[in-house]
Amino acid sequence: MRKEKKQVIGEDIDDDAVRLFLQPEPTDDTPPSLHKLIKAYRGLRVDDFGRFLVFFKEAGYDLGATDAKGQDFIAMIADQRQAQPYIELVREARG
């Protein structure tokens, strides 16, 4: 009989775990700043993503980075159903 995995969705994560999303580097021509934003968007809840943006800016990454097609992070996720709170956080962080 297989052991059931503990579901971790919804658990609080500490700042060090949020900062881990600054580490992934792209394996293609995606700008590192854009790659990190996408990874964090996919992996973090809204509140944690807001904390991530503080660390992202402190590390000197670019909130306005664009891909080869000229799309920034907001344009890339704008059509996704749950994107609006993330978009608002990025807009606020841009100041």
N, C-alpha and C. Protein backbone atom coordinates (compact mmCIF):
# COMPACT_ATOMS: atom_id res chain seq x y z
N MET A 1 0.83 -1.18 0.00
CA MET A 1 0.00 0.00 0.00
C MET A 1 0.88 1.25 0.00
N ARG A 2 0.52 2.20 -0.85
CA ARG A 2 1.28 3.44 -0.95
C ARG A 2 0.94 4.40 0.17
N LYS A 3 1.96 5.07 0.64
CA LYS A 3 1.76 6.10 1.64
C LYS A 3 1.15 7.33 0.97
N GLU A 4 0.18 7.92 1.60
CA GLU A 4 -0.44 9.12 1.06
C GLU A 4 0.49 10.30 1.26
N LYS A 5 0.60 11.13 0.23
CA LYS A 5 1.39 12.35 0.35
C LYS A 5 0.59 13.39 1.12
N LYS A 6 1.30 14.14 1.93
CA LYS A 6 0.67 15.23 2.65
C LYS A 6 0.47 16.39 1.67
N GLN A 7 -0.72 16.90 1.59
CA GLN A 7 -1.00 18.03 0.72
C GLN A 7 -0.46 19.30 1.36
N VAL A 8 0.33 20.05 0.60
CA VAL A 8 0.96 21.25 1.16
C VAL A 8 0.34 22.54 0.64
N ILE A 9 -0.66 22.44 -0.18
CA ILE A 9 -1.30 23.64 -0.71
C ILE A 9 -1.90 24.45 0.43
N GLY A 10 -1.59 25.72 0.44
CA GLY A 10 -2.16 26.60 1.44
C GLY A 10 -1.31 26.79 2.68
N GLU A 11 -0.23 26.03 2.81
CA GLU A 11 0.64 26.22 3.97
C GLU A 11 1.47 27.48 3.81
N ASP A 12 1.75 28.13 4.92
CA ASP A 12 2.60 29.32 4.88
C ASP A 12 4.02 28.91 4.53
N ILE A 13 4.66 29.75 3.71
CA ILE A 13 6.07 29.52 3.42
C ILE A 13 6.86 30.72 3.88
N ASP A 14 8.10 30.48 4.30
CA ASP A 14 8.90 31.57 4.84
C ASP A 14 9.60 32.34 3.72
N ASP A 15 10.25 33.42 4.10
CA ASP A 15 10.90 34.29 3.13
C ASP A 15 11.97 33.56 2.33
N ASP A 16 12.70 32.66 2.98
CA ASP A 16 13.75 31.92 2.27
C ASP A 16 13.15 31.08 1.15
N ALA A 17 12.01 30.48 1.40
CA ALA A 17 11.35 29.68 0.36
C ALA A 17 10.85 30.57 -0.78
N VAL A 18 10.38 31.76 -0.45
CA VAL A 18 9.94 32.70 -1.49
C VAL A 18 11.15 33.15 -2.32
N ARG A 19 12.27 33.40 -1.65
CA ARG A 19 13.48 33.84 -2.36
C ARG A 19 14.01 32.78 -3.32
N LEU A 20 13.69 31.53 -3.10
CA LEU A 20 14.14 30.48 -4.01
C LEU A 20 13.66 30.72 -5.44
N PHE A 21 12.58 31.43 -5.59
CA PHE A 21 12.06 31.71 -6.93
C PHE A 21 12.91 32.74 -7.68
N LEU A 22 13.92 33.30 -7.02
CA LEU A 22 14.86 34.18 -7.70
C LEU A 22 15.98 33.39 -8.36
N GLN A 23 16.09 32.10 -8.05
CA GLN A 23 17.20 31.30 -8.54
C GLN A 23 17.05 30.74 -9.95
N PRO A 24 15.89 30.31 -10.38
CA PRO A 24 15.81 29.66 -11.70
C PRO A 24 16.32 30.57 -12.83
N GLU A 25 17.12 29.98 -13.68
CA GLU A 25 17.63 30.69 -14.85
C GLU A 25 17.02 30.07 -16.10
N PRO A 26 16.76 30.89 -17.11
CA PRO A 26 16.15 30.36 -18.34
C PRO A 26 17.12 29.47 -19.11
N THR A 27 16.56 28.52 -19.83
CA THR A 27 17.36 27.66 -20.69
C THR A 27 17.21 28.06 -22.15
N ASP A 28 16.49 29.12 -22.39
CA ASP A 28 16.31 29.64 -23.75
C ASP A 28 16.64 31.13 -23.74
N ASP A 29 16.12 31.88 -24.68
CA ASP A 29 16.45 33.29 -24.77
C ASP A 29 15.52 34.21 -23.96
N THR A 30 14.71 33.63 -23.09
CA THR A 30 13.85 34.42 -22.22
C THR A 30 14.72 35.23 -21.26
N PRO A 31 14.47 36.53 -21.12
CA PRO A 31 15.24 37.33 -20.16
C PRO A 31 15.09 36.75 -18.75
N PRO A 32 16.18 36.72 -17.98
CA PRO A 32 16.12 36.16 -16.62
C PRO A 32 15.02 36.78 -15.76
N SER A 33 14.82 38.09 -15.84
CA SER A 33 13.78 38.74 -15.03
C SER A 33 12.40 38.19 -15.36
N LEU A 34 12.11 38.08 -16.63
CA LEU A 34 10.81 37.57 -17.07
C LEU A 34 10.64 36.11 -16.67
N HIS A 35 11.68 35.33 -16.81
CA HIS A 35 11.64 33.91 -16.44
C HIS A 35 11.31 33.75 -14.96
N LYS A 36 11.95 34.54 -14.12
CA LYS A 36 11.73 34.46 -12.67
C LYS A 36 10.29 34.86 -12.31
N LEU A 37 9.78 35.89 -12.96
CA LEU A 37 8.40 36.31 -12.72
C LEU A 37 7.42 35.19 -13.08
N ILE A 38 7.63 34.57 -14.20
CA ILE A 38 6.74 33.49 -14.65
C ILE A 38 6.79 32.31 -13.68
N LYS A 39 8.00 31.92 -13.28
CA LYS A 39 8.13 30.80 -12.33
C LYS A 39 7.43 31.13 -11.01
N ALA A 40 7.60 32.34 -10.53
CA ALA A 40 6.97 32.73 -9.27
C ALA A 40 5.45 32.77 -9.41
N TYR A 41 4.97 33.28 -10.51
CA TYR A 41 3.53 33.32 -10.78
C TYR A 41 2.93 31.93 -10.75
N ARG A 42 3.61 31.00 -11.37
CA ARG A 42 3.12 29.62 -11.44
C ARG A 42 3.23 28.89 -10.11
N GLY A 43 4.18 29.30 -9.28
CA GLY A 43 4.44 28.54 -8.07
C GLY A 43 4.00 29.15 -6.76
N LEU A 44 3.61 30.40 -6.77
CA LEU A 44 3.28 31.07 -5.51
C LEU A 44 1.84 31.55 -5.46
N ARG A 45 1.29 31.54 -4.27
CA ARG A 45 -0.03 32.14 -4.05
C ARG A 45 0.12 33.66 -4.14
N VAL A 46 -0.97 34.34 -4.27
CA VAL A 46 -0.96 35.79 -4.47
C VAL A 46 -0.17 36.51 -3.37
N ASP A 47 -0.45 36.21 -2.11
CA ASP A 47 0.24 36.89 -1.01
C ASP A 47 1.74 36.64 -1.07
N ASP A 48 2.13 35.40 -1.35
CA ASP A 48 3.54 35.07 -1.44
C ASP A 48 4.18 35.73 -2.66
N PHE A 49 3.43 35.85 -3.75
CA PHE A 49 3.93 36.53 -4.94
C PHE A 49 4.21 38.00 -4.63
N GLY A 50 3.37 38.61 -3.84
CA GLY A 50 3.60 39.99 -3.42
C GLY A 50 4.90 40.14 -2.65
N ARG A 51 5.17 39.19 -1.77
CA ARG A 51 6.44 39.19 -1.04
C ARG A 51 7.61 38.95 -1.99
N PHE A 52 7.41 38.06 -2.95
CA PHE A 52 8.44 37.78 -3.95
C PHE A 52 8.82 39.05 -4.70
N LEU A 53 7.84 39.87 -5.06
CA LEU A 53 8.12 41.09 -5.82
C LEU A 53 9.03 42.04 -5.06
N VAL A 54 8.91 42.08 -3.75
CA VAL A 54 9.80 42.91 -2.94
C VAL A 54 11.24 42.42 -3.10
N PHE A 55 11.44 41.12 -2.97
CA PHE A 55 12.78 40.54 -3.10
C PHE A 55 13.31 40.70 -4.53
N PHE A 56 12.42 40.56 -5.49
CA PHE A 56 12.74 40.69 -6.91
C PHE A 56 13.30 42.08 -7.20
N LYS A 57 12.61 43.10 -6.71
CA LYS A 57 13.05 44.47 -6.92
C LYS A 57 14.34 44.76 -6.16
N GLU A 58 14.45 44.26 -4.92
CA GLU A 58 15.67 44.46 -4.14
C GLU A 58 16.89 43.87 -4.83
N ALA A 59 16.68 42.77 -5.56
CA ALA A 59 17.77 42.10 -6.26
C ALA A 59 18.11 42.78 -7.58
N GLY A 60 17.34 43.80 -7.95
CA GLY A 60 17.63 44.57 -9.14
C GLY A 60 17.07 44.02 -10.44
N TYR A 61 16.11 43.11 -10.34
CA TYR A 61 15.50 42.56 -11.56
C TYR A 61 14.50 43.55 -12.14
N ASP A 62 14.18 43.35 -13.41
CA ASP A 62 13.36 44.28 -14.20
C ASP A 62 11.91 43.82 -14.32
N LEU A 63 10.98 44.57 -13.75
CA LEU A 63 9.55 44.25 -13.84
C LEU A 63 8.99 44.49 -15.24
N GLY A 64 9.72 45.20 -16.06
CA GLY A 64 9.26 45.50 -17.41
C GLY A 64 9.94 44.68 -18.49
N ALA A 65 10.66 43.62 -18.11
CA ALA A 65 11.36 42.80 -19.10
C ALA A 65 10.37 42.22 -20.10
N THR A 66 10.81 42.12 -21.35
CA THR A 66 9.95 41.59 -22.41
C THR A 66 10.61 40.42 -23.12
N ASP A 67 9.77 39.57 -23.72
CA ASP A 67 10.27 38.44 -24.49
C ASP A 67 10.60 38.89 -25.92
N ALA A 68 10.97 37.95 -26.78
CA ALA A 68 11.35 38.27 -28.15
C ALA A 68 10.20 38.89 -28.95
N LYS A 69 8.96 38.65 -28.51
CA LYS A 69 7.79 39.21 -29.19
C LYS A 69 7.39 40.57 -28.63
N GLY A 70 8.14 41.04 -27.63
CA GLY A 70 7.84 42.33 -27.03
C GLY A 70 6.79 42.28 -25.93
N GLN A 71 6.43 41.08 -25.49
CA GLN A 71 5.42 40.96 -24.43
C GLN A 71 6.09 40.99 -23.06
N ASP A 72 5.53 41.80 -22.17
CA ASP A 72 5.99 41.78 -20.79
C ASP A 72 5.18 40.76 -20.00
N PHE A 73 5.48 40.63 -18.72
CA PHE A 73 4.83 39.64 -17.87
C PHE A 73 3.31 39.82 -17.88
N ILE A 74 2.85 41.05 -17.74
CA ILE A 74 1.41 41.31 -17.69
C ILE A 74 0.74 40.86 -18.98
N ALA A 75 1.32 41.19 -20.11
CA ALA A 75 0.74 40.79 -21.39
C ALA A 75 0.69 39.27 -21.53
N MET A 76 1.69 38.60 -20.98
CA MET A 76 1.76 37.14 -21.11
C MET A 76 0.68 36.42 -20.31
N ILE A 77 0.29 37.00 -19.17
CA ILE A 77 -0.68 36.30 -18.32
C ILE A 77 -2.07 36.92 -18.34
N ALA A 78 -2.25 38.03 -19.04
CA ALA A 78 -3.50 38.80 -19.00
C ALA A 78 -4.75 37.98 -19.31
N ASP A 79 -4.64 36.97 -20.16
CA ASP A 79 -5.82 36.20 -20.54
C ASP A 79 -6.10 35.01 -19.62
N GLN A 80 -5.31 34.86 -18.57
CA GLN A 80 -5.52 33.75 -17.65
C GLN A 80 -6.53 34.13 -16.57
N ARG A 81 -7.37 33.18 -16.25
CA ARG A 81 -8.51 33.42 -15.38
C ARG A 81 -8.15 33.99 -14.01
N GLN A 82 -7.06 33.55 -13.41
CA GLN A 82 -6.74 33.97 -12.05
C GLN A 82 -5.60 34.99 -11.99
N ALA A 83 -5.30 35.61 -13.11
CA ALA A 83 -4.14 36.49 -13.20
C ALA A 83 -4.34 37.88 -12.60
N GLN A 84 -5.55 38.37 -12.52
CA GLN A 84 -5.79 39.77 -12.16
C GLN A 84 -5.11 40.21 -10.85
N PRO A 85 -5.20 39.45 -9.77
CA PRO A 85 -4.53 39.92 -8.55
C PRO A 85 -3.01 40.00 -8.70
N TYR A 86 -2.43 39.10 -9.49
CA TYR A 86 -0.99 39.12 -9.75
C TYR A 86 -0.62 40.35 -10.58
N ILE A 87 -1.44 40.64 -11.57
CA ILE A 87 -1.21 41.81 -12.42
C ILE A 87 -1.26 43.09 -11.59
N GLU A 88 -2.23 43.18 -10.69
CA GLU A 88 -2.34 44.35 -9.83
C GLU A 88 -1.11 44.53 -8.96
N LEU A 89 -0.59 43.42 -8.44
CA LEU A 89 0.63 43.49 -7.62
C LEU A 89 1.82 43.99 -8.42
N VAL A 90 1.96 43.51 -9.65
CA VAL A 90 3.07 43.95 -10.50
C VAL A 90 2.92 45.44 -10.82
N ARG A 91 1.72 45.87 -11.13
CA ARG A 91 1.48 47.30 -11.42
C ARG A 91 1.83 48.16 -10.22
N GLU A 92 1.43 47.72 -9.04
CA GLU A 92 1.77 48.46 -7.81
C GLU A 92 3.28 48.50 -7.59
N ALA A 93 3.94 47.38 -7.84
CA ALA A 93 5.38 47.29 -7.63
C ALA A 93 6.16 48.17 -8.61
N ARG A 94 5.59 48.38 -9.79
CA ARG A 94 6.23 49.25 -10.79
C ARG A 94 6.17 50.71 -10.35
N GLY A 95 5.17 51.01 -9.53
CA GLY A 95 5.02 52.36 -9.00
C GLY A 95 4.54 53.29 -9.98
